[in-house]
Amino acid sequence: SYRYLSGRRGELEEFYLLTLLATLGAMVMVAATHFAAFVLGLEILSISLYAMIAYPEERRPPLEAAFKYLVLSAVASTTMLFGMALAYSATGSLYFADLSDPAGAAHAAHLLTGQLLLFAGLAFKLSLVPFHLWTPDVYQGAPAPVGGFIATVSKVAVFALLLRLSTAGDSLATPAAFLVVMALAVTSMLVGNLLALLQDNLKRILAYSSVAHMGYLLIALLALARLPEATFAAEAAFIYLAGYVATTLTAFGVIAALSSAAGGEDAEAVAGYRGLFWRRPLLAACLTTALLSLMGLPLTAGFIGKFYLLAIGAQGALWLLLWALIVGSAVGIYYYLKVIYAMTSQAAGEADAHLRETGVERTLLVTLAVTVIALGVYPTSLINTARALLGGFGL
């Protein structure tokens, strides 16, 4: 963010404070085992994001994106609070571990309804279809570094919470909840990729891509409910998230390096990337690495993540989800290649000639791109880390 915000009028300290607060909220969510801690972490994260999205307040798109995120996030939060109230009325407890123990048969309907409302609110935070409508507008309007933060830190925190809810509270044990989450997964994989085909804006492409990738991740979540042991499914989710974070940060890092908060619009139009390989070969190489990983090509972190999801889906006999994963990934190849083709086309001018990334930016982007490749070529270190961390959680 530092170089992106340089040249902007006013003091910038509050942006970094908001980033720290949002990260703190995400950490509280990941560690939560009680609904009070969950709500506290969620609101610290969400309220910080409202201000971060609208940070270039002199421009309309960020303000519009922040307003949409504020309204829809408030609706999602109230939906989840209502779900928590119903779960409490059924179990008499606010701990995740007590969600699977209703006080009686008469309270089973309350518990199921509460769980579904909780999933609906979390589905908004994960941008799952049909709760995804805010996603492309917020990604497009938010500053490029903030878009990368939302796509990674925010999504990982929410999914980690959902994973804890599913393991501690056995929330997907009922067939109705299982079928609802399966429907969300299939529609997110297919609709996210199909809508991305229609986009000519790189931020919106990444937004719809994130919708599809969150749908892919639900395969691991559903496998948790289907398999007798949660270890392999949790490991698959961890590995996929690690690759997704490194890949997405690389893509948004390139957008931020080619943009300036003081220079008007971000570098988001695909047409603006024409000839980037000849003008800025380092940035083009980093972005290409990220796009190839999002495709799931071999020798990238994205391939290892999808391989794990295919393995866990086959072990849990989730054949419909696997077919949706294969079809969605095949569709995704087209719009990722569209961006790569634009970068390798004949140069279209020097629109970004006045922007030069700093040494820190170059080092960070190269490190991220190398990490994406290293995790695909030699994933053993990541797998061992996942097993050690999950062992600490008792999985």
Protein backbone atom coordinates (compact mmCIF):
# COMPACT_ATOMS: atom_id res chain seq x y z
CA SER A 1 0.00 0.00 0.00
CA TYR A 2 2.85 2.41 0.72
CA ARG A 3 3.83 3.26 -2.85
CA TYR A 4 0.20 3.05 -3.98
CA LEU A 5 -0.79 5.75 -1.48
CA SER A 6 2.29 7.93 -2.02
CA GLY A 7 1.47 11.32 -3.48
CA ARG A 8 -1.97 11.29 -1.89
CA ARG A 9 -2.92 14.35 0.13
CA GLY A 10 -3.34 14.12 3.90
CA GLU A 11 -2.02 11.85 6.61
CA LEU A 12 -1.95 8.12 5.89
CA GLU A 13 -1.43 6.69 9.38
CA GLU A 14 -5.10 5.82 9.80
CA PHE A 15 -4.96 3.48 6.80
CA TYR A 16 -2.30 1.34 8.43
CA LEU A 17 -4.14 1.42 11.76
CA LEU A 18 -7.30 0.22 10.01
CA THR A 19 -5.32 -2.56 8.34
CA LEU A 20 -3.98 -3.71 11.72
CA LEU A 21 -7.45 -3.59 13.27
CA ALA A 22 -8.95 -5.57 10.40
CA THR A 23 -6.21 -8.18 10.76
CA LEU A 24 -6.87 -8.36 14.51
CA GLY A 25 -10.57 -8.96 13.81
CA ALA A 26 -9.69 -11.75 11.40
CA MET A 27 -7.43 -13.38 14.01
CA VAL A 28 -10.18 -13.22 16.64
CA MET A 29 -12.58 -14.91 14.22
CA VAL A 30 -10.12 -17.72 13.47
CA ALA A 31 -9.58 -18.39 17.18
CA ALA A 32 -13.26 -18.11 18.20
CA THR A 33 -15.05 -21.04 19.82
CA HIS A 34 -17.92 -18.94 21.20
CA PHE A 35 -20.46 -16.83 19.35
CA ALA A 36 -19.59 -13.69 21.37
CA ALA A 37 -15.96 -13.89 20.22
CA PHE A 38 -17.15 -14.62 16.68
CA VAL A 39 -19.33 -11.48 16.56
CA LEU A 40 -16.58 -9.36 18.12
CA GLY A 41 -14.00 -10.46 15.54
CA LEU A 42 -16.47 -10.14 12.67
CA GLU A 43 -17.42 -6.57 13.54
CA ILE A 44 -13.82 -5.44 14.10
CA LEU A 45 -12.99 -6.81 10.65
CA SER A 46 -16.10 -5.48 8.89
CA ILE A 47 -16.08 -1.95 10.34
CA SER A 48 -12.41 -1.54 9.50
CA LEU A 49 -13.10 -2.68 5.95
CA TYR A 50 -15.86 -0.09 5.48
CA ALA A 51 -13.30 2.70 5.97
CA MET A 52 -10.52 0.95 4.04
CA ILE A 53 -12.73 0.47 0.97
CA ALA A 54 -13.75 4.16 0.98
CA TYR A 55 -10.26 5.43 1.74
CA PRO A 56 -9.76 7.49 -1.46
CA GLU A 57 -12.79 9.56 -0.40
CA GLU A 58 -12.37 12.06 -3.24
CA ARG A 59 -13.46 9.42 -5.78
CA ARG A 60 -16.96 8.08 -6.26
CA PRO A 61 -16.29 4.36 -6.96
CA PRO A 62 -14.69 3.66 -3.55
CA LEU A 63 -17.50 5.47 -1.71
CA GLU A 64 -20.14 3.57 -3.68
CA ALA A 65 -18.36 0.26 -3.03
CA ALA A 66 -18.09 1.01 0.71
CA PHE A 67 -21.78 1.92 0.92
CA LYS A 68 -22.83 -1.31 -0.80
CA TYR A 69 -20.55 -3.36 1.43
CA LEU A 70 -21.89 -1.56 4.52
CA VAL A 71 -25.57 -2.19 3.71
CA LEU A 72 -25.21 -5.79 2.60
CA SER A 73 -22.76 -6.65 5.38
CA ALA A 74 -25.20 -5.25 7.94
CA VAL A 75 -27.96 -7.48 6.52
CA ALA A 76 -25.64 -10.49 6.68
CA SER A 77 -24.65 -9.71 10.28
CA THR A 78 -28.26 -9.40 11.44
CA THR A 79 -29.10 -12.65 9.67
CA MET A 80 -26.29 -14.41 11.53
CA LEU A 81 -27.35 -12.87 14.85
CA PHE A 82 -30.87 -14.18 14.35
CA GLY A 83 -29.41 -17.60 13.56
CA MET A 84 -27.32 -17.46 16.75
CA ALA A 85 -30.43 -16.59 18.77
CA LEU A 86 -32.30 -19.59 17.37
CA ALA A 87 -29.32 -21.86 18.04
CA TYR A 88 -29.17 -20.57 21.61
CA SER A 89 -32.87 -21.20 22.12
CA ALA A 90 -32.36 -24.79 20.95
CA THR A 91 -29.19 -25.63 22.87
CA GLY A 92 -28.99 -23.15 25.74
CA SER A 93 -25.35 -22.49 24.90
CA LEU A 94 -23.30 -20.11 22.75
CA TYR A 95 -20.35 -22.46 22.34
CA PHE A 96 -19.77 -23.99 18.90
CA ALA A 97 -19.28 -27.45 20.44
CA ASP A 98 -22.85 -27.45 21.78
CA LEU A 99 -24.55 -26.81 18.44
CA SER A 100 -25.14 -30.50 17.82
CA ASP A 101 -26.98 -31.03 21.11
CA PRO A 102 -30.54 -29.58 20.98
CA ALA A 103 -32.45 -29.52 24.25
CA GLY A 104 -35.18 -31.70 22.78
CA ALA A 105 -36.92 -32.81 19.59
CA ALA A 106 -39.09 -29.69 19.63
CA HIS A 107 -35.96 -27.54 19.40
CA ALA A 108 -34.45 -29.42 16.47
CA ALA A 109 -36.27 -27.18 13.98
CA HIS A 110 -34.95 -24.08 15.77
CA LEU A 111 -31.42 -25.44 15.61
CA LEU A 112 -31.65 -26.30 11.90
CA THR A 113 -33.12 -22.89 11.04
CA GLY A 114 -30.43 -21.17 13.10
CA GLN A 115 -27.69 -23.14 11.33
CA LEU A 116 -29.09 -22.25 7.91
CA LEU A 117 -29.26 -18.55 8.81
CA LEU A 118 -25.66 -18.73 10.03
CA PHE A 119 -24.59 -20.34 6.76
CA ALA A 120 -26.47 -17.66 4.79
CA GLY A 121 -24.59 -14.87 6.56
CA LEU A 122 -21.24 -16.60 6.16
CA ALA A 123 -22.07 -17.31 2.51
CA PHE A 124 -22.33 -13.55 1.99
CA LYS A 125 -18.92 -13.04 3.58
CA LEU A 126 -17.49 -15.75 1.29
CA SER A 127 -19.29 -14.31 -1.78
CA LEU A 128 -21.08 -17.56 -2.57
CA VAL A 129 -23.90 -17.56 -5.11
CA PRO A 130 -26.56 -16.14 -4.72
CA PHE A 131 -24.98 -13.87 -2.07
CA HIS A 132 -22.25 -12.68 -4.45
CA LEU A 133 -23.84 -9.60 -6.00
CA TRP A 134 -21.78 -7.13 -3.92
CA THR A 135 -18.47 -8.75 -4.78
CA PRO A 136 -17.60 -7.36 -8.26
CA ASP A 137 -18.67 -3.81 -7.35
CA VAL A 138 -16.66 -3.80 -4.12
CA TYR A 139 -13.56 -5.32 -5.75
CA GLN A 140 -13.76 -2.79 -8.58
CA GLY A 141 -14.36 0.24 -6.37
CA ALA A 142 -11.94 -0.59 -3.56
CA PRO A 143 -8.27 0.46 -3.78
CA ALA A 144 -6.20 -2.35 -5.26
CA PRO A 145 -4.36 -3.22 -2.00
CA VAL A 146 -7.68 -3.31 -0.11
CA GLY A 147 -9.16 -5.57 -2.77
CA GLY A 148 -6.29 -7.98 -2.20
CA PHE A 149 -6.89 -7.82 1.56
CA ILE A 150 -10.60 -8.60 1.18
CA ALA A 151 -9.92 -11.45 -1.24
CA THR A 152 -7.39 -13.09 1.09
CA VAL A 153 -7.42 -12.19 4.79
CA SER A 154 -11.17 -11.64 5.04
CA LYS A 155 -12.11 -14.77 3.09
CA VAL A 156 -9.59 -16.99 4.90
CA ALA A 157 -10.82 -15.82 8.31
CA VAL A 158 -14.45 -16.53 7.45
CA PHE A 159 -13.69 -19.93 5.97
CA ALA A 160 -11.56 -20.88 9.00
CA LEU A 161 -14.49 -19.97 11.22
CA LEU A 162 -16.84 -22.03 9.07
CA LEU A 163 -14.40 -24.93 9.30
CA ARG A 164 -14.36 -24.65 13.10
CA LEU A 165 -18.16 -24.47 13.22
CA SER A 166 -18.40 -27.62 11.12
CA THR A 167 -15.87 -29.61 13.15
CA ALA A 168 -16.73 -28.45 16.66
CA GLY A 169 -20.49 -28.16 16.25
CA ASP A 170 -21.05 -30.85 13.60
CA SER A 171 -23.18 -28.30 11.76
CA LEU A 172 -23.43 -30.30 8.52
CA ALA A 173 -24.63 -33.50 10.16
CA THR A 174 -28.26 -32.90 9.14
CA PRO A 175 -29.09 -33.80 5.51
CA ALA A 176 -30.89 -30.48 4.91
CA ALA A 177 -27.86 -28.37 5.87
CA PHE A 178 -25.59 -30.65 3.83
CA LEU A 179 -27.76 -30.28 0.70
CA VAL A 180 -27.99 -26.50 1.07
CA VAL A 181 -24.20 -26.12 1.27
CA MET A 182 -23.77 -28.51 -1.66
CA ALA A 183 -26.14 -26.40 -3.75
CA LEU A 184 -24.20 -23.26 -2.81
CA ALA A 185 -20.95 -24.95 -3.84
CA VAL A 186 -22.16 -26.15 -7.25
CA THR A 187 -23.82 -22.86 -8.21
CA SER A 188 -20.82 -20.82 -7.04
CA MET A 189 -18.38 -22.90 -9.12
CA LEU A 190 -20.45 -22.67 -12.28
CA VAL A 191 -21.99 -19.19 -12.03
CA GLY A 192 -18.75 -17.57 -10.83
CA ASN A 193 -16.78 -18.87 -13.81
CA LEU A 194 -19.53 -18.15 -16.35
CA LEU A 195 -19.96 -14.53 -15.19
CA ALA A 196 -16.19 -14.01 -15.29
CA LEU A 197 -16.30 -14.84 -19.00
CA LEU A 198 -18.30 -11.66 -19.63
CA GLN A 199 -15.86 -9.29 -17.92
CA ASP A 200 -13.28 -6.95 -19.45
CA ASN A 201 -12.16 -5.60 -16.10
CA LEU A 202 -9.38 -7.49 -14.30
CA LYS A 203 -10.70 -6.65 -10.83
CA ARG A 204 -14.15 -7.97 -11.71
CA ILE A 205 -12.58 -11.08 -13.25
CA LEU A 206 -10.75 -11.71 -9.97
CA ALA A 207 -13.97 -11.04 -8.05
CA TYR A 208 -15.96 -13.66 -9.94
CA SER A 209 -12.94 -15.95 -9.82
CA SER A 210 -12.99 -15.70 -6.01
CA VAL A 211 -16.67 -16.69 -6.06
CA ALA A 212 -15.73 -19.87 -7.92
CA HIS A 213 -12.73 -20.59 -5.70
CA MET A 214 -14.81 -20.31 -2.54
CA GLY A 215 -17.18 -22.80 -4.14
CA TYR A 216 -14.24 -25.15 -4.75
CA LEU A 217 -13.26 -24.85 -1.07
CA LEU A 218 -16.68 -26.04 0.05
CA ILE A 219 -15.71 -29.49 -1.25
CA ALA A 220 -13.34 -29.81 1.70
CA LEU A 221 -16.01 -28.54 4.07
CA LEU A 222 -18.57 -31.07 2.85
CA ALA A 223 -15.99 -33.85 2.96
CA LEU A 224 -15.60 -33.10 6.67
CA ALA A 225 -19.21 -34.13 7.20
CA ARG A 226 -19.01 -37.16 4.91
CA LEU A 227 -15.75 -38.75 6.13
CA PRO A 228 -15.26 -40.43 9.54
CA GLU A 229 -12.02 -38.49 10.16
CA ALA A 230 -11.58 -34.78 9.53
CA THR A 231 -7.79 -34.74 9.18
CA PHE A 232 -7.46 -35.14 5.41
CA ALA A 233 -10.29 -32.74 4.60
CA ALA A 234 -8.91 -30.05 6.92
CA GLU A 235 -5.45 -30.55 5.41
CA ALA A 236 -6.88 -30.12 1.90
CA ALA A 237 -8.60 -26.88 2.94
CA PHE A 238 -5.40 -25.53 4.53
CA ILE A 239 -3.28 -26.29 1.47
CA TYR A 240 -5.81 -24.82 -0.93
CA LEU A 241 -6.12 -21.64 1.16
CA ALA A 242 -2.34 -21.22 1.36
CA GLY A 243 -1.96 -21.44 -2.41
CA TYR A 244 -4.99 -19.21 -3.00
CA VAL A 245 -3.64 -16.48 -0.70
CA ALA A 246 -0.19 -16.39 -2.31
CA THR A 247 -1.70 -16.41 -5.80
CA THR A 248 -4.34 -13.74 -5.18
CA LEU A 249 -1.91 -11.42 -3.41
CA THR A 250 0.41 -11.69 -6.42
CA ALA A 251 -2.39 -10.70 -8.82
CA PHE A 252 -3.59 -7.75 -6.74
CA GLY A 253 0.00 -6.74 -6.06
CA VAL A 254 0.61 -6.29 -9.78
CA ILE A 255 -2.58 -4.23 -10.11
CA ALA A 256 -1.45 -2.04 -7.19
CA ALA A 257 2.03 -1.63 -8.71
CA LEU A 258 0.46 -0.34 -11.93
CA SER A 259 -1.98 1.96 -10.12
CA SER A 260 -1.86 5.08 -7.99
CA ALA A 261 -4.41 6.44 -5.52
CA ALA A 262 -3.49 9.94 -6.64
CA GLY A 263 -3.66 9.14 -10.34
CA GLY A 264 -7.33 8.37 -10.90
CA GLU A 265 -8.59 4.90 -11.77
CA ASP A 266 -6.72 1.74 -10.92
CA ALA A 267 -5.12 -0.34 -13.69
CA GLU A 268 -8.11 -2.64 -14.02
CA ALA A 269 -9.15 -2.65 -17.68
CA VAL A 270 -7.84 -5.74 -19.48
CA ALA A 271 -7.18 -3.59 -22.56
CA GLY A 272 -4.72 -1.55 -20.50
CA TYR A 273 -2.54 -4.66 -20.06
CA ARG A 274 -1.85 -4.99 -23.77
CA GLY A 275 1.86 -5.25 -24.39
CA LEU A 276 2.72 -5.41 -20.69
CA PHE A 277 5.27 -8.17 -21.37
CA TRP A 278 7.26 -5.76 -23.52
CA ARG A 279 6.88 -2.72 -21.23
CA ARG A 280 7.12 -4.28 -17.76
CA PRO A 281 8.31 -7.88 -18.15
CA LEU A 282 8.77 -8.49 -14.41
CA LEU A 283 5.22 -7.47 -13.51
CA ALA A 284 3.83 -9.40 -16.49
CA ALA A 285 5.69 -12.53 -15.43
CA CYS A 286 4.36 -12.27 -11.87
CA LEU A 287 0.78 -11.76 -13.07
CA THR A 288 1.09 -14.66 -15.52
CA THR A 289 2.31 -16.91 -12.70
CA ALA A 290 -0.73 -15.94 -10.61
CA LEU A 291 -3.17 -16.54 -13.47
CA LEU A 292 -1.66 -19.94 -14.28
CA SER A 293 -1.99 -20.90 -10.62
CA LEU A 294 -5.63 -19.77 -10.55
CA MET A 295 -6.18 -22.04 -13.58
CA GLY A 296 -4.72 -24.92 -11.60
CA LEU A 297 -1.91 -25.72 -14.03
CA PRO A 298 0.81 -28.17 -12.88
CA LEU A 299 3.92 -26.84 -11.13
CA THR A 300 1.88 -24.14 -9.38
CA ALA A 301 0.27 -23.94 -5.94
CA GLY A 302 -3.18 -23.89 -7.55
CA PHE A 303 -2.61 -27.34 -9.06
CA ILE A 304 -1.68 -28.87 -5.68
CA GLY A 305 -4.75 -27.30 -4.08
CA LYS A 306 -7.12 -28.64 -6.73
CA PHE A 307 -5.44 -32.04 -6.65
CA TYR A 308 -6.16 -32.24 -2.94
CA LEU A 309 -9.79 -31.21 -3.48
CA LEU A 310 -10.20 -33.88 -6.16
CA ALA A 311 -8.69 -36.48 -3.84
CA ILE A 312 -10.87 -35.55 -0.87
CA GLY A 313 -13.97 -35.30 -3.07
CA ALA A 314 -13.35 -38.77 -4.51
CA GLN A 315 -12.76 -40.19 -1.04
CA GLY A 316 -16.07 -38.71 0.14
CA ALA A 317 -17.92 -39.76 -3.06
CA LEU A 318 -18.89 -36.15 -3.80
CA TRP A 319 -19.15 -36.79 -7.53
CA LEU A 320 -21.49 -33.91 -8.38
CA LEU A 321 -19.11 -31.44 -6.76
CA LEU A 322 -16.14 -32.93 -8.59
CA TRP A 323 -17.89 -32.58 -11.95
CA ALA A 324 -18.71 -28.96 -11.12
CA LEU A 325 -15.05 -28.40 -10.18
CA ILE A 326 -13.84 -29.86 -13.48
CA VAL A 327 -16.34 -27.95 -15.63
CA GLY A 328 -15.75 -24.69 -13.75
CA SER A 329 -11.97 -25.02 -14.05
CA ALA A 330 -12.26 -25.67 -17.79
CA VAL A 331 -14.39 -22.54 -18.24
CA GLY A 332 -11.95 -20.52 -16.14
CA ILE A 333 -9.05 -21.27 -18.46
CA TYR A 334 -10.57 -19.02 -21.13
CA TYR A 335 -10.79 -15.77 -19.19
CA TYR A 336 -7.40 -16.25 -17.53
CA LEU A 337 -5.83 -16.82 -20.95
CA LYS A 338 -7.59 -13.70 -22.21
CA VAL A 339 -5.54 -11.59 -19.81
CA ILE A 340 -2.30 -13.42 -20.66
CA TYR A 341 -2.98 -12.96 -24.37
CA ALA A 342 -3.49 -9.22 -23.83
CA MET A 343 -0.14 -8.95 -22.05
CA THR A 344 1.69 -10.71 -24.88
CA SER A 345 0.00 -8.69 -27.63
CA GLN A 346 1.62 -5.82 -29.43
CA ALA A 347 2.41 -2.90 -27.13
CA ALA A 348 -0.41 -0.39 -26.86
CA GLY A 349 1.47 2.59 -25.47
CA GLU A 350 3.11 3.79 -22.27
CA ALA A 351 0.06 4.66 -20.16
CA ASP A 352 1.80 3.39 -17.02
CA ALA A 353 5.25 4.79 -17.81
CA HIS A 354 5.05 7.35 -14.98
CA LEU A 355 4.54 4.60 -12.37
CA ARG A 356 7.62 2.74 -11.23
CA GLU A 357 7.44 0.05 -8.59
CA THR A 358 9.84 0.37 -5.69
CA GLY A 359 12.52 -2.16 -4.79
CA VAL A 360 10.32 -3.41 -1.94
CA GLU A 361 7.41 -3.94 -4.32
CA ARG A 362 9.57 -5.82 -6.81
CA THR A 363 11.04 -7.99 -4.05
CA LEU A 364 7.61 -8.75 -2.60
CA LEU A 365 6.02 -9.61 -5.94
CA VAL A 366 8.92 -11.81 -7.01
CA THR A 367 8.85 -13.56 -3.62
CA LEU A 368 5.12 -14.22 -3.93
CA ALA A 369 5.45 -15.49 -7.51
CA VAL A 370 8.35 -17.76 -6.56
CA THR A 371 6.33 -19.03 -3.61
CA VAL A 372 3.43 -19.91 -5.91
CA ILE A 373 5.79 -21.96 -8.10
CA ALA A 374 7.74 -23.44 -5.17
CA LEU A 375 4.55 -24.71 -3.52
CA GLY A 376 3.63 -26.39 -6.80
CA VAL A 377 7.05 -27.93 -7.44
CA TYR A 378 7.87 -28.97 -3.87
CA PRO A 379 4.72 -28.95 -1.70
CA THR A 380 6.18 -31.20 1.02
CA SER A 381 7.08 -28.29 3.32
CA LEU A 382 3.54 -26.89 3.06
CA ILE A 383 2.01 -30.32 3.71
CA ASN A 384 4.19 -30.85 6.79
CA THR A 385 3.28 -27.38 8.07
CA ALA A 386 -0.42 -28.10 7.56
CA ARG A 387 -0.21 -31.37 9.47
CA ALA A 388 1.72 -29.78 12.33
CA LEU A 389 -0.74 -26.90 12.67
CA LEU A 390 -3.81 -29.12 12.40
CA GLY A 391 -2.28 -31.45 14.97
CA GLY A 392 -2.17 -28.52 17.36
CA PHE A 393 -5.94 -28.15 16.88
CA GLY A 394 -6.49 -31.83 17.65
CA LEU A 395 -7.26 -32.84 14.05
